[in-house]
Amino acid sequence: MSNNQKKYNSLNDFYRQKFQKKVFKVNLNGNFTCPNRDGTVGTNGCIYCSDLGSGEFAGHKNDDLVTQFNKVKENLHRKWPEGLYIGYFQANSNTYAPVAELKEKYETILKQKNVVGLAIATRSDAINTEVLNYLGDLNKKTFLTIELGLQTIHPATNILINRCHTLANFENIVHQLHKKDINIVVHVINGLPYETKEMMLNTIEYLNTLPITGIKFHMLSVLKNTKLATIYQKEKFKLLSEKEYLNILCQQINILRPDIVVHRLVNDPKKDDLIAPKWLLKKFEILNKIDNLLEEKKIYQGKNYCQ
């Protein structure tokens, strides 16, 4: 249970316990691409992904990494001068490059003052053996977290959203990263087209069986200039209401393995990019409602976790 009486293992508490200080993630854009965009496995990307490659809050790719880092750090440092930082390579697939390029970019950030680690967002099919070995070495030098997009375990949805990698590939990379003692955070999306509540719960039950250390929950957001926006405008498939999302999320927390750290409970898309659902624009209200609903239903993380 969280020290601040949260009903789940919050990332803030995890960082506080590990580093004894406030820790911030600094979003970065390393100007990488993706195997699902460059033709290796696909050309159009996942249907919900914008041209920014899920890096809407990362720095600008035309700025060098130190400039990006300092722009964010300066604002944070004024409020928390003793804060520590984790460089978060967020946009696109941040292991999808030769090791020499990865090393130059990652280690540029590690040289910045008060940086205690890296978080690297990527896909399981963007980690080859050479990259995996480098990540293993890097993990011995700093606090390293690899964030893997999964979104769903269901094959029909996987095809619909154009993920273009298999569950077997994902699972294999999770085990390979675990063998190197690397922290693994998995992204899941609730409300994908035509998925039921039971399907979303099944995804969590599956993740409970894997050696992951963290999870990020997202609500499907329809963003401008995406394939999903075209499909939504044509088919008007049902999106989860705020109430439905909150109830499903609470049930997922209820069955989530107790040791897994919750890195995110809901996403916060940019207002100008969001077509639907508009309730996502009230992130802090949503977070308060989640806390209240967990309290009301007497739910805490892992209450009904089954080994």
C-alpha atoms as a PDB file:
ATOM      1  CA  MET A   1       0.000   0.000   0.000  1.00  0.00           C
ATOM      2  CA  SER A   2       1.159   3.516  -0.814  1.00  0.00           C
ATOM      3  CA  ASN A   3       2.632   5.598   2.024  1.00  0.00           C
ATOM      4  CA  ASN A   4       0.280   8.490   1.228  1.00  0.00           C
ATOM      5  CA  GLN A   5      -2.727   6.208   1.571  1.00  0.00           C
ATOM      6  CA  LYS A   6      -3.350   5.835  -2.129  1.00  0.00           C
ATOM      7  CA  LYS A   7      -5.150   2.606  -2.935  1.00  0.00           C
ATOM      8  CA  TYR A   8      -2.506   1.701  -5.493  1.00  0.00           C
ATOM      9  CA  ASN A   9       1.285   1.743  -5.776  1.00  0.00           C
ATOM     10  CA  SER A  10       1.879   5.212  -7.156  1.00  0.00           C
ATOM     11  CA  LEU A  11       4.937   6.203  -9.155  1.00  0.00           C
ATOM     12  CA  ASN A  12       5.509   9.236  -6.945  1.00  0.00           C
ATOM     13  CA  ASP A  13       5.778   7.015  -3.862  1.00  0.00           C
ATOM     14  CA  PHE A  14       8.047   4.583  -5.665  1.00  0.00           C
ATOM     15  CA  TYR A  15      10.466   7.354  -6.620  1.00  0.00           C
ATOM     16  CA  ARG A  16      10.351   8.874  -3.126  1.00  0.00           C
ATOM     17  CA  GLN A  17      11.210   5.544  -1.538  1.00  0.00           C
ATOM     18  CA  LYS A  18      13.991   4.787  -4.002  1.00  0.00           C
ATOM     19  CA  PHE A  19      15.684   8.189  -4.262  1.00  0.00           C
ATOM     20  CA  GLN A  20      14.533   9.933  -1.059  1.00  0.00           C
ATOM     21  CA  LYS A  21      13.737  13.042  -3.103  1.00  0.00           C
ATOM     22  CA  LYS A  22      11.187  14.353  -5.555  1.00  0.00           C
ATOM     23  CA  VAL A  23      11.871  12.892  -9.010  1.00  0.00           C
ATOM     24  CA  PHE A  24      10.615  14.256 -12.332  1.00  0.00           C
ATOM     25  CA  LYS A  25      10.493  12.721 -15.785  1.00  0.00           C
ATOM     26  CA  VAL A  26      11.687  15.102 -18.503  1.00  0.00           C
ATOM     27  CA  ASN A  27      10.003  14.302 -21.807  1.00  0.00           C
ATOM     28  CA  LEU A  28      12.389  14.191 -24.770  1.00  0.00           C
ATOM     29  CA  ASN A  29      12.160  13.736 -28.523  1.00  0.00           C
ATOM     30  CA  GLY A  30      15.192  11.871 -29.860  1.00  0.00           C
ATOM     31  CA  ASN A  31      13.970  12.186 -33.461  1.00  0.00           C
ATOM     32  CA  PHE A  32      13.578   8.422 -33.862  1.00  0.00           C
ATOM     33  CA  THR A  33      11.174   6.712 -36.227  1.00  0.00           C
ATOM     34  CA  CYS A  34       9.263   3.429 -35.874  1.00  0.00           C
ATOM     35  CA  PRO A  35       9.290   0.045 -37.645  1.00  0.00           C
ATOM     36  CA  ASN A  36       5.561   0.501 -38.111  1.00  0.00           C
ATOM     37  CA  ARG A  37       6.149   3.707 -40.077  1.00  0.00           C
ATOM     38  CA  ASP A  38       9.297   3.184 -42.119  1.00  0.00           C
ATOM     39  CA  GLY A  39       8.083   0.074 -43.950  1.00  0.00           C
ATOM     40  CA  THR A  40       9.873  -2.554 -41.861  1.00  0.00           C
ATOM     41  CA  VAL A  41       6.570  -3.950 -40.546  1.00  0.00           C
ATOM     42  CA  GLY A  42       4.172  -1.232 -41.672  1.00  0.00           C
ATOM     43  CA  THR A  43       3.940   2.276 -43.097  1.00  0.00           C
ATOM     44  CA  ASN A  44       0.990   3.988 -41.453  1.00  0.00           C
ATOM     45  CA  GLY A  45       1.664   3.372 -37.766  1.00  0.00           C
ATOM     46  CA  CYS A  46      -0.941   2.447 -35.178  1.00  0.00           C
ATOM     47  CA  ILE A  47      -4.304   3.944 -36.062  1.00  0.00           C
ATOM     48  CA  TYR A  48      -4.478   6.097 -32.920  1.00  0.00           C
ATOM     49  CA  CYS A  49      -0.928   7.461 -33.195  1.00  0.00           C
ATOM     50  CA  SER A  50      -0.403  11.043 -34.364  1.00  0.00           C
ATOM     51  CA  ASP A  51       2.458  12.333 -36.480  1.00  0.00           C
ATOM     52  CA  LEU A  52       4.239  13.076 -33.200  1.00  0.00           C
ATOM     53  CA  GLY A  53       4.479   9.365 -32.423  1.00  0.00           C
ATOM     54  CA  SER A  54       2.763   9.574 -29.007  1.00  0.00           C
ATOM     55  CA  GLY A  55       5.185  12.316 -28.065  1.00  0.00           C
ATOM     56  CA  GLU A  56       2.766  15.234 -27.803  1.00  0.00           C
ATOM     57  CA  PHE A  57       4.446  16.517 -24.648  1.00  0.00           C
ATOM     58  CA  ALA A  58       8.017  15.706 -25.641  1.00  0.00           C
ATOM     59  CA  GLY A  59      10.466  18.356 -26.785  1.00  0.00           C
ATOM     60  CA  HIS A  60      10.753  19.555 -30.368  1.00  0.00           C
ATOM     61  CA  LYS A  61      12.757  17.191 -32.540  1.00  0.00           C
ATOM     62  CA  ASN A  62      14.655  20.098 -34.113  1.00  0.00           C
ATOM     63  CA  ASP A  63      16.063  21.116 -30.721  1.00  0.00           C
ATOM     64  CA  ASP A  64      19.098  19.241 -29.505  1.00  0.00           C
ATOM     65  CA  LEU A  65      18.513  17.006 -26.479  1.00  0.00           C
ATOM     66  CA  VAL A  66      20.310  19.243 -23.994  1.00  0.00           C
ATOM     67  CA  THR A  67      18.170  22.217 -25.070  1.00  0.00           C
ATOM     68  CA  GLN A  68      15.014  20.129 -24.693  1.00  0.00           C
ATOM     69  CA  PHE A  69      16.123  18.913 -21.286  1.00  0.00           C
ATOM     70  CA  ASN A  70      17.011  22.359 -19.979  1.00  0.00           C
ATOM     71  CA  LYS A  71      13.740  23.943 -21.121  1.00  0.00           C
ATOM     72  CA  VAL A  72      11.795  21.575 -18.871  1.00  0.00           C
ATOM     73  CA  LYS A  73      14.341  21.455 -16.063  1.00  0.00           C
ATOM     74  CA  GLU A  74      14.469  25.242 -15.640  1.00  0.00           C
ATOM     75  CA  ASN A  75      10.759  25.408 -14.818  1.00  0.00           C
ATOM     76  CA  LEU A  76      10.912  22.468 -12.417  1.00  0.00           C
ATOM     77  CA  HIS A  77      14.089  23.628 -10.726  1.00  0.00           C
ATOM     78  CA  ARG A  78      12.513  26.936  -9.654  1.00  0.00           C
ATOM     79  CA  LYS A  79       9.860  25.079  -7.658  1.00  0.00           C
ATOM     80  CA  TRP A  80      11.895  22.037  -6.564  1.00  0.00           C
ATOM     81  CA  PRO A  81      15.581  23.060  -6.499  1.00  0.00           C
ATOM     82  CA  GLU A  82      16.557  19.736  -4.895  1.00  0.00           C
ATOM     83  CA  GLY A  83      14.644  17.648  -7.438  1.00  0.00           C
ATOM     84  CA  LEU A  84      16.152  14.788  -9.412  1.00  0.00           C
ATOM     85  CA  TYR A  85      15.453  13.934 -13.049  1.00  0.00           C
ATOM     86  CA  ILE A  86      14.834  10.965 -15.277  1.00  0.00           C
ATOM     87  CA  GLY A  87      15.259  11.550 -18.996  1.00  0.00           C
ATOM     88  CA  TYR A  88      12.156  10.179 -20.726  1.00  0.00           C
ATOM     89  CA  PHE A  89      12.658   9.352 -24.400  1.00  0.00           C
ATOM     90  CA  GLN A  90       8.998   9.441 -25.342  1.00  0.00           C
ATOM     91  CA  ALA A  91       8.274  10.072 -29.033  1.00  0.00           C
ATOM     92  CA  ASN A  92       8.175   7.097 -31.440  1.00  0.00           C
ATOM     93  CA  SER A  93      10.304   3.948 -30.869  1.00  0.00           C
ATOM     94  CA  ASN A  94      13.348   5.005 -28.904  1.00  0.00           C
ATOM     95  CA  THR A  95      15.442   1.858 -29.330  1.00  0.00           C
ATOM     96  CA  TYR A  96      15.010   1.821 -33.097  1.00  0.00           C
ATOM     97  CA  ALA A  97      18.476   2.919 -34.214  1.00  0.00           C
ATOM     98  CA  PRO A  98      22.057   1.641 -34.296  1.00  0.00           C
ATOM     99  CA  VAL A  99      23.616   1.207 -30.861  1.00  0.00           C
ATOM    100  CA  ALA A 100      26.149   3.982 -31.533  1.00  0.00           C
ATOM    101  CA  GLU A 101      23.311   6.467 -32.048  1.00  0.00           C
ATOM    102  CA  LEU A 102      21.421   5.235 -28.988  1.00  0.00           C
ATOM    103  CA  LYS A 103      24.536   5.489 -26.861  1.00  0.00           C
ATOM    104  CA  GLU A 104      25.247   9.054 -27.964  1.00  0.00           C
ATOM    105  CA  LYS A 105      21.690  10.218 -27.245  1.00  0.00           C
ATOM    106  CA  TYR A 106      21.115   8.356 -23.993  1.00  0.00           C
ATOM    107  CA  GLU A 107      24.475   9.201 -22.497  1.00  0.00           C
ATOM    108  CA  THR A 108      24.156  12.879 -23.429  1.00  0.00           C
ATOM    109  CA  ILE A 109      21.208  13.031 -21.043  1.00  0.00           C
ATOM    110  CA  LEU A 110      22.900  10.944 -18.365  1.00  0.00           C
ATOM    111  CA  LYS A 111      25.684  13.557 -18.232  1.00  0.00           C
ATOM    112  CA  GLN A 112      23.229  16.297 -17.213  1.00  0.00           C
ATOM    113  CA  LYS A 113      23.246  17.389 -13.592  1.00  0.00           C
ATOM    114  CA  ASN A 114      20.943  15.514 -11.194  1.00  0.00           C
ATOM    115  CA  VAL A 115      19.864  12.945 -13.795  1.00  0.00           C
ATOM    116  CA  VAL A 116      19.427   9.605 -11.997  1.00  0.00           C
ATOM    117  CA  GLY A 117      18.064   7.455 -14.796  1.00  0.00           C
ATOM    118  CA  LEU A 118      16.397   6.993 -18.154  1.00  0.00           C
ATOM    119  CA  ALA A 119      12.938   5.874 -19.226  1.00  0.00           C
ATOM    120  CA  ILE A 120      12.821   4.679 -22.822  1.00  0.00           C
ATOM    121  CA  ALA A 121       9.533   4.159 -24.647  1.00  0.00           C
ATOM    122  CA  THR A 122       9.593   1.650 -27.487  1.00  0.00           C
ATOM    123  CA  ARG A 123       8.040  -1.394 -29.161  1.00  0.00           C
ATOM    124  CA  SER A 124       9.040  -4.984 -28.578  1.00  0.00           C
ATOM    125  CA  ASP A 125       9.934  -5.416 -32.263  1.00  0.00           C
ATOM    126  CA  ALA A 126      12.337  -2.450 -32.052  1.00  0.00           C
ATOM    127  CA  ILE A 127      14.761  -4.217 -29.700  1.00  0.00           C
ATOM    128  CA  ASN A 128      17.274  -6.464 -31.443  1.00  0.00           C
ATOM    129  CA  THR A 129      19.990  -8.549 -29.769  1.00  0.00           C
ATOM    130  CA  GLU A 130      22.667  -5.871 -30.031  1.00  0.00           C
ATOM    131  CA  VAL A 131      20.366  -3.242 -28.538  1.00  0.00           C
ATOM    132  CA  LEU A 132      19.282  -5.652 -25.814  1.00  0.00           C
ATOM    133  CA  ASN A 133      22.891  -6.267 -24.802  1.00  0.00           C
ATOM    134  CA  TYR A 134      23.604  -2.532 -24.719  1.00  0.00           C
ATOM    135  CA  LEU A 135      20.537  -1.944 -22.542  1.00  0.00           C
ATOM    136  CA  GLY A 136      21.809  -4.603 -20.171  1.00  0.00           C
ATOM    137  CA  ASP A 137      25.121  -2.763 -19.861  1.00  0.00           C
ATOM    138  CA  LEU A 138      23.362   0.583 -19.460  1.00  0.00           C
ATOM    139  CA  ASN A 139      21.200  -0.834 -16.681  1.00  0.00           C
ATOM    140  CA  LYS A 140      24.351  -1.485 -14.642  1.00  0.00           C
ATOM    141  CA  LYS A 141      25.258   2.218 -14.803  1.00  0.00           C
ATOM    142  CA  THR A 142      21.951   3.951 -14.125  1.00  0.00           C
ATOM    143  CA  PHE A 143      18.304   3.413 -13.166  1.00  0.00           C
ATOM    144  CA  LEU A 144      16.836   2.205 -16.459  1.00  0.00           C
ATOM    145  CA  THR A 145      13.209   1.624 -17.363  1.00  0.00           C
ATOM    146  CA  ILE A 146      11.991   0.300 -20.703  1.00  0.00           C
ATOM    147  CA  GLU A 147       8.374   1.182 -21.550  1.00  0.00           C
ATOM    148  CA  LEU A 148       6.734  -1.228 -23.973  1.00  0.00           C
ATOM    149  CA  GLY A 149       3.502  -0.558 -25.811  1.00  0.00           C
ATOM    150  CA  LEU A 150       1.187  -3.560 -25.717  1.00  0.00           C
ATOM    151  CA  GLN A 151      -2.274  -1.931 -25.588  1.00  0.00           C
ATOM    152  CA  THR A 152      -4.206  -5.233 -25.775  1.00  0.00           C
ATOM    153  CA  ILE A 153      -3.679  -8.986 -25.862  1.00  0.00           C
ATOM    154  CA  HIS A 154      -6.550  -9.646 -28.260  1.00  0.00           C
ATOM    155  CA  PRO A 155      -5.568 -10.601 -31.838  1.00  0.00           C
ATOM    156  CA  ALA A 156      -8.605  -9.094 -33.583  1.00  0.00           C
ATOM    157  CA  THR A 157      -8.058  -5.736 -31.892  1.00  0.00           C
ATOM    158  CA  ASN A 158      -4.349  -5.947 -32.594  1.00  0.00           C
ATOM    159  CA  ILE A 159      -5.099  -6.230 -36.310  1.00  0.00           C
ATOM    160  CA  LEU A 160      -7.711  -3.471 -36.185  1.00  0.00           C
ATOM    161  CA  ILE A 161      -5.345  -0.971 -34.563  1.00  0.00           C
ATOM    162  CA  ASN A 162      -2.495  -1.999 -36.896  1.00  0.00           C
ATOM    163  CA  ARG A 163       0.031  -2.832 -34.157  1.00  0.00           C
ATOM    164  CA  CYS A 164       1.970  -5.066 -36.570  1.00  0.00           C
ATOM    165  CA  HIS A 165       3.716  -7.143 -33.922  1.00  0.00           C
ATOM    166  CA  THR A 166       2.678 -10.339 -32.174  1.00  0.00           C
ATOM    167  CA  LEU A 167       1.964 -11.097 -28.555  1.00  0.00           C
ATOM    168  CA  ALA A 168       4.668 -13.772 -28.726  1.00  0.00           C
ATOM    169  CA  ASN A 169       7.233 -11.146 -29.757  1.00  0.00           C
ATOM    170  CA  PHE A 170       6.160  -8.891 -26.891  1.00  0.00           C
ATOM    171  CA  GLU A 171       6.343 -11.697 -24.338  1.00  0.00           C
ATOM    172  CA  ASN A 172       9.771 -12.819 -25.531  1.00  0.00           C
ATOM    173  CA  ILE A 173      11.236  -9.322 -25.176  1.00  0.00           C
ATOM    174  CA  VAL A 174       9.724  -8.939 -21.702  1.00  0.00           C
ATOM    175  CA  HIS A 175      11.510 -12.088 -20.579  1.00  0.00           C
ATOM    176  CA  GLN A 176      14.763 -11.052 -22.260  1.00  0.00           C
ATOM    177  CA  LEU A 177      14.685  -7.656 -20.523  1.00  0.00           C
ATOM    178  CA  HIS A 178      13.840  -9.316 -17.215  1.00  0.00           C
ATOM    179  CA  LYS A 179      16.859 -11.600 -17.518  1.00  0.00           C
ATOM    180  CA  LYS A 180      18.976  -8.438 -17.571  1.00  0.00           C
ATOM    181  CA  ASP A 181      17.166  -7.114 -14.489  1.00  0.00           C
ATOM    182  CA  ILE A 182      15.726  -4.155 -16.420  1.00  0.00           C
ATOM    183  CA  ASN A 183      12.565  -2.465 -15.166  1.00  0.00           C
ATOM    184  CA  ILE A 184       9.657  -2.970 -17.579  1.00  0.00           C
ATOM    185  CA  VAL A 185       6.594  -0.734 -17.793  1.00  0.00           C
ATOM    186  CA  VAL A 186       3.740  -1.770 -20.094  1.00  0.00           C
ATOM    187  CA  HIS A 187       1.196   0.546 -21.749  1.00  0.00           C
ATOM    188  CA  VAL A 188      -2.417  -0.618 -22.124  1.00  0.00           C
ATOM    189  CA  ILE A 189      -5.358   1.187 -23.729  1.00  0.00           C
ATOM    190  CA  ASN A 190      -8.890   0.873 -22.413  1.00  0.00           C
ATOM    191  CA  GLY A 191     -11.811   1.485 -24.733  1.00  0.00           C
ATOM    192  CA  LEU A 192     -10.280   0.153 -27.941  1.00  0.00           C
ATOM    193  CA  PRO A 193     -12.975  -0.341 -30.608  1.00  0.00           C
ATOM    194  CA  TYR A 194     -15.349  -3.203 -29.874  1.00  0.00           C
ATOM    195  CA  GLU A 195     -13.494  -4.479 -26.804  1.00  0.00           C
ATOM    196  CA  THR A 196     -15.640  -5.483 -23.829  1.00  0.00           C
ATOM    197  CA  LYS A 197     -14.909  -4.912 -20.158  1.00  0.00           C
ATOM    198  CA  GLU A 198     -14.008  -8.600 -19.854  1.00  0.00           C
ATOM    199  CA  MET A 199     -11.446  -8.261 -22.644  1.00  0.00           C
ATOM    200  CA  MET A 200      -9.804  -5.311 -20.906  1.00  0.00           C
ATOM    201  CA  LEU A 201      -9.661  -7.239 -17.634  1.00  0.00           C
ATOM    202  CA  ASN A 202      -8.146 -10.202 -19.479  1.00  0.00           C
ATOM    203  CA  THR A 203      -5.269  -8.005 -20.630  1.00  0.00           C
ATOM    204  CA  ILE A 204      -4.461  -7.185 -16.984  1.00  0.00           C
ATOM    205  CA  GLU A 205      -4.732 -10.826 -15.945  1.00  0.00           C
ATOM    206  CA  TYR A 206      -2.218 -11.703 -18.640  1.00  0.00           C
ATOM    207  CA  LEU A 207       0.213  -8.988 -17.555  1.00  0.00           C
ATOM    208  CA  ASN A 208       0.005 -10.266 -13.982  1.00  0.00           C
ATOM    209  CA  THR A 209       1.757 -13.427 -15.186  1.00  0.00           C
ATOM    210  CA  LEU A 210       4.762 -11.555 -16.620  1.00  0.00           C
ATOM    211  CA  PRO A 211       7.800 -10.115 -14.787  1.00  0.00           C
ATOM    212  CA  ILE A 212       6.840  -6.487 -15.349  1.00  0.00           C
ATOM    213  CA  THR A 213       7.442  -3.762 -12.783  1.00  0.00           C
ATOM    214  CA  GLY A 214       5.021  -1.055 -13.906  1.00  0.00           C
ATOM    215  CA  ILE A 215       1.930  -0.235 -15.931  1.00  0.00           C
ATOM    216  CA  LYS A 216       0.442   2.790 -17.681  1.00  0.00           C
ATOM    217  CA  PHE A 217      -3.303   2.954 -18.264  1.00  0.00           C
ATOM    218  CA  HIS A 218      -4.700   4.998 -21.157  1.00  0.00           C
ATOM    219  CA  MET A 219      -8.171   5.782 -22.413  1.00  0.00           C
ATOM    220  CA  LEU A 220      -8.475   5.563 -26.187  1.00  0.00           C
ATOM    221  CA  SER A 221      -8.355   9.114 -27.505  1.00  0.00           C
ATOM    222  CA  VAL A 222      -9.359  10.080 -31.023  1.00  0.00           C
ATOM    223  CA  LEU A 223      -6.826  12.616 -32.243  1.00  0.00           C
ATOM    224  CA  LYS A 224      -6.932  14.795 -35.348  1.00  0.00           C
ATOM    225  CA  ASN A 225      -5.071  13.604 -38.437  1.00  0.00           C
ATOM    226  CA  THR A 226      -5.034   9.937 -37.437  1.00  0.00           C
ATOM    227  CA  LYS A 227      -6.496   6.863 -39.098  1.00  0.00           C
ATOM    228  CA  LEU A 228      -8.593   6.379 -35.977  1.00  0.00           C
ATOM    229  CA  ALA A 229     -10.197   9.788 -36.544  1.00  0.00           C
ATOM    230  CA  THR A 230     -11.234   8.746 -40.058  1.00  0.00           C
ATOM    231  CA  ILE A 231     -12.715   5.487 -38.774  1.00  0.00           C
ATOM    232  CA  TYR A 232     -14.491   7.232 -35.900  1.00  0.00           C
ATOM    233  CA  GLN A 233     -16.053   9.869 -38.124  1.00  0.00           C
ATOM    234  CA  LYS A 234     -17.293   7.136 -40.458  1.00  0.00           C
ATOM    235  CA  GLU A 235     -18.419   4.440 -38.023  1.00  0.00           C
ATOM    236  CA  LYS A 236     -19.014   6.410 -34.804  1.00  0.00           C
ATOM    237  CA  PHE A 237     -18.014   3.364 -32.759  1.00  0.00           C
ATOM    238  CA  LYS A 238     -18.792   3.681 -29.074  1.00  0.00           C
ATOM    239  CA  LEU A 239     -16.215   5.316 -26.836  1.00  0.00           C
ATOM    240  CA  LEU A 240     -16.223   4.693 -23.111  1.00  0.00           C
ATOM    241  CA  SER A 241     -17.947   7.326 -21.018  1.00  0.00           C
ATOM    242  CA  GLU A 242     -16.030   8.760 -18.087  1.00  0.00           C
ATOM    243  CA  LYS A 243     -18.121   6.648 -15.696  1.00  0.00           C
ATOM    244  CA  GLU A 244     -17.461   3.475 -17.696  1.00  0.00           C
ATOM    245  CA  TYR A 245     -13.730   4.152 -17.822  1.00  0.00           C
ATOM    246  CA  LEU A 246     -13.526   4.786 -14.084  1.00  0.00           C
ATOM    247  CA  ASN A 247     -15.414   1.615 -13.235  1.00  0.00           C
ATOM    248  CA  ILE A 248     -13.312  -0.549 -15.554  1.00  0.00           C
ATOM    249  CA  LEU A 249     -10.093   1.003 -14.274  1.00  0.00           C
ATOM    250  CA  CYS A 250     -11.084   0.348 -10.651  1.00  0.00           C
ATOM    251  CA  GLN A 251     -11.794  -3.285 -11.513  1.00  0.00           C
ATOM    252  CA  GLN A 252      -8.391  -3.517 -13.193  1.00  0.00           C
ATOM    253  CA  ILE A 253      -6.685  -2.097 -10.094  1.00  0.00           C
ATOM    254  CA  ASN A 254      -8.651  -4.580  -8.014  1.00  0.00           C
ATOM    255  CA  ILE A 255      -7.053  -7.536  -9.834  1.00  0.00           C
ATOM    256  CA  LEU A 256      -3.647  -5.971 -10.593  1.00  0.00           C
ATOM    257  CA  ARG A 257      -0.686  -7.760  -9.014  1.00  0.00           C
ATOM    258  CA  PRO A 258       0.167  -5.801  -5.827  1.00  0.00           C
ATOM    259  CA  ASP A 259       3.865  -5.171  -6.565  1.00  0.00           C
ATOM    260  CA  ILE A 260       3.318  -3.507  -9.954  1.00  0.00           C
ATOM    261  CA  VAL A 261       3.852   0.280  -9.856  1.00  0.00           C
ATOM    262  CA  VAL A 262       1.092   2.347 -11.458  1.00  0.00           C
ATOM    263  CA  HIS A 263       2.840   4.970 -13.585  1.00  0.00           C
ATOM    264  CA  ARG A 264      -0.320   6.465 -15.078  1.00  0.00           C
ATOM    265  CA  LEU A 265      -4.059   6.148 -14.501  1.00  0.00           C
ATOM    266  CA  VAL A 266      -5.282   8.198 -17.433  1.00  0.00           C
ATOM    267  CA  ASN A 267      -3.757  10.071 -20.368  1.00  0.00           C
ATOM    268  CA  ASP A 268      -4.083  13.810 -21.015  1.00  0.00           C
ATOM    269  CA  PRO A 269      -4.137  14.580 -24.751  1.00  0.00           C
ATOM    270  CA  LYS A 270      -3.625  18.104 -25.998  1.00  0.00           C
ATOM    271  CA  LYS A 271      -6.884  20.053 -26.211  1.00  0.00           C
ATOM    272  CA  ASP A 272      -6.289  21.257 -29.774  1.00  0.00           C
ATOM    273  CA  ASP A 273      -5.662  17.701 -31.013  1.00  0.00           C
ATOM    274  CA  LEU A 274      -8.508  15.901 -29.257  1.00  0.00           C
ATOM    275  CA  ILE A 275     -11.677  14.992 -31.133  1.00  0.00           C
ATOM    276  CA  ALA A 276     -13.120  12.689 -28.469  1.00  0.00           C
ATOM    277  CA  PRO A 277     -13.791  11.931 -25.666  1.00  0.00           C
ATOM    278  CA  LYS A 278     -13.767  15.471 -24.338  1.00  0.00           C
ATOM    279  CA  TRP A 279     -13.939  14.323 -20.718  1.00  0.00           C
ATOM    280  CA  LEU A 280     -10.227  13.459 -20.978  1.00  0.00           C
ATOM    281  CA  LEU A 281      -9.471  17.179 -20.760  1.00  0.00           C
ATOM    282  CA  LYS A 282     -10.298  17.124 -17.021  1.00  0.00           C
ATOM    283  CA  LYS A 283      -7.351  15.009 -15.886  1.00  0.00           C
ATOM    284  CA  PHE A 284      -7.089  16.226 -12.296  1.00  0.00           C
ATOM    285  CA  GLU A 285     -10.833  15.855 -11.782  1.00  0.00           C
ATOM    286  CA  ILE A 286     -10.597  12.332 -13.140  1.00  0.00           C
ATOM    287  CA  LEU A 287      -7.738  11.434 -10.799  1.00  0.00           C
ATOM    288  CA  ASN A 288      -9.744  12.692  -7.816  1.00  0.00           C
ATOM    289  CA  LYS A 289     -12.755  10.688  -8.945  1.00  0.00           C
ATOM    290  CA  ILE A 290     -10.610   7.555  -9.212  1.00  0.00           C
ATOM    291  CA  ASP A 291      -9.399   8.011  -5.627  1.00  0.00           C
ATOM    292  CA  ASN A 292     -12.953   8.607  -4.433  1.00  0.00           C
ATOM    293  CA  LEU A 293     -14.345   5.608  -6.304  1.00  0.00           C
ATOM    294  CA  LEU A 294     -11.656   3.275  -4.964  1.00  0.00           C
ATOM    295  CA  GLU A 295     -12.468   4.494  -1.456  1.00  0.00           C
ATOM    296  CA  GLU A 296     -16.196   4.180  -1.979  1.00  0.00           C
ATOM    297  CA  LYS A 297     -15.939   0.642  -3.343  1.00  0.00           C
ATOM    298  CA  LYS A 298     -13.294  -0.332  -0.752  1.00  0.00           C
ATOM    299  CA  ILE A 299     -10.948  -1.409  -3.539  1.00  0.00           C
ATOM    300  CA  TYR A 300      -7.177  -1.454  -3.285  1.00  0.00           C
ATOM    301  CA  GLN A 301      -4.577  -2.728  -5.711  1.00  0.00           C
ATOM    302  CA  GLY A 302      -4.467  -6.510  -5.737  1.00  0.00           C
ATOM    303  CA  LYS A 303      -7.457  -7.025  -3.466  1.00  0.00           C
ATOM    304  CA  ASN A 304      -8.768  -9.698  -5.814  1.00  0.00           C
ATOM    305  CA  TYR A 305      -5.492 -10.625  -7.452  1.00  0.00           C
ATOM    306  CA  CYS A 306      -5.383 -14.334  -8.223  1.00  0.00           C
ATOM    307  CA  GLN A 307      -2.024 -16.060  -8.662  1.00  0.00           C
END
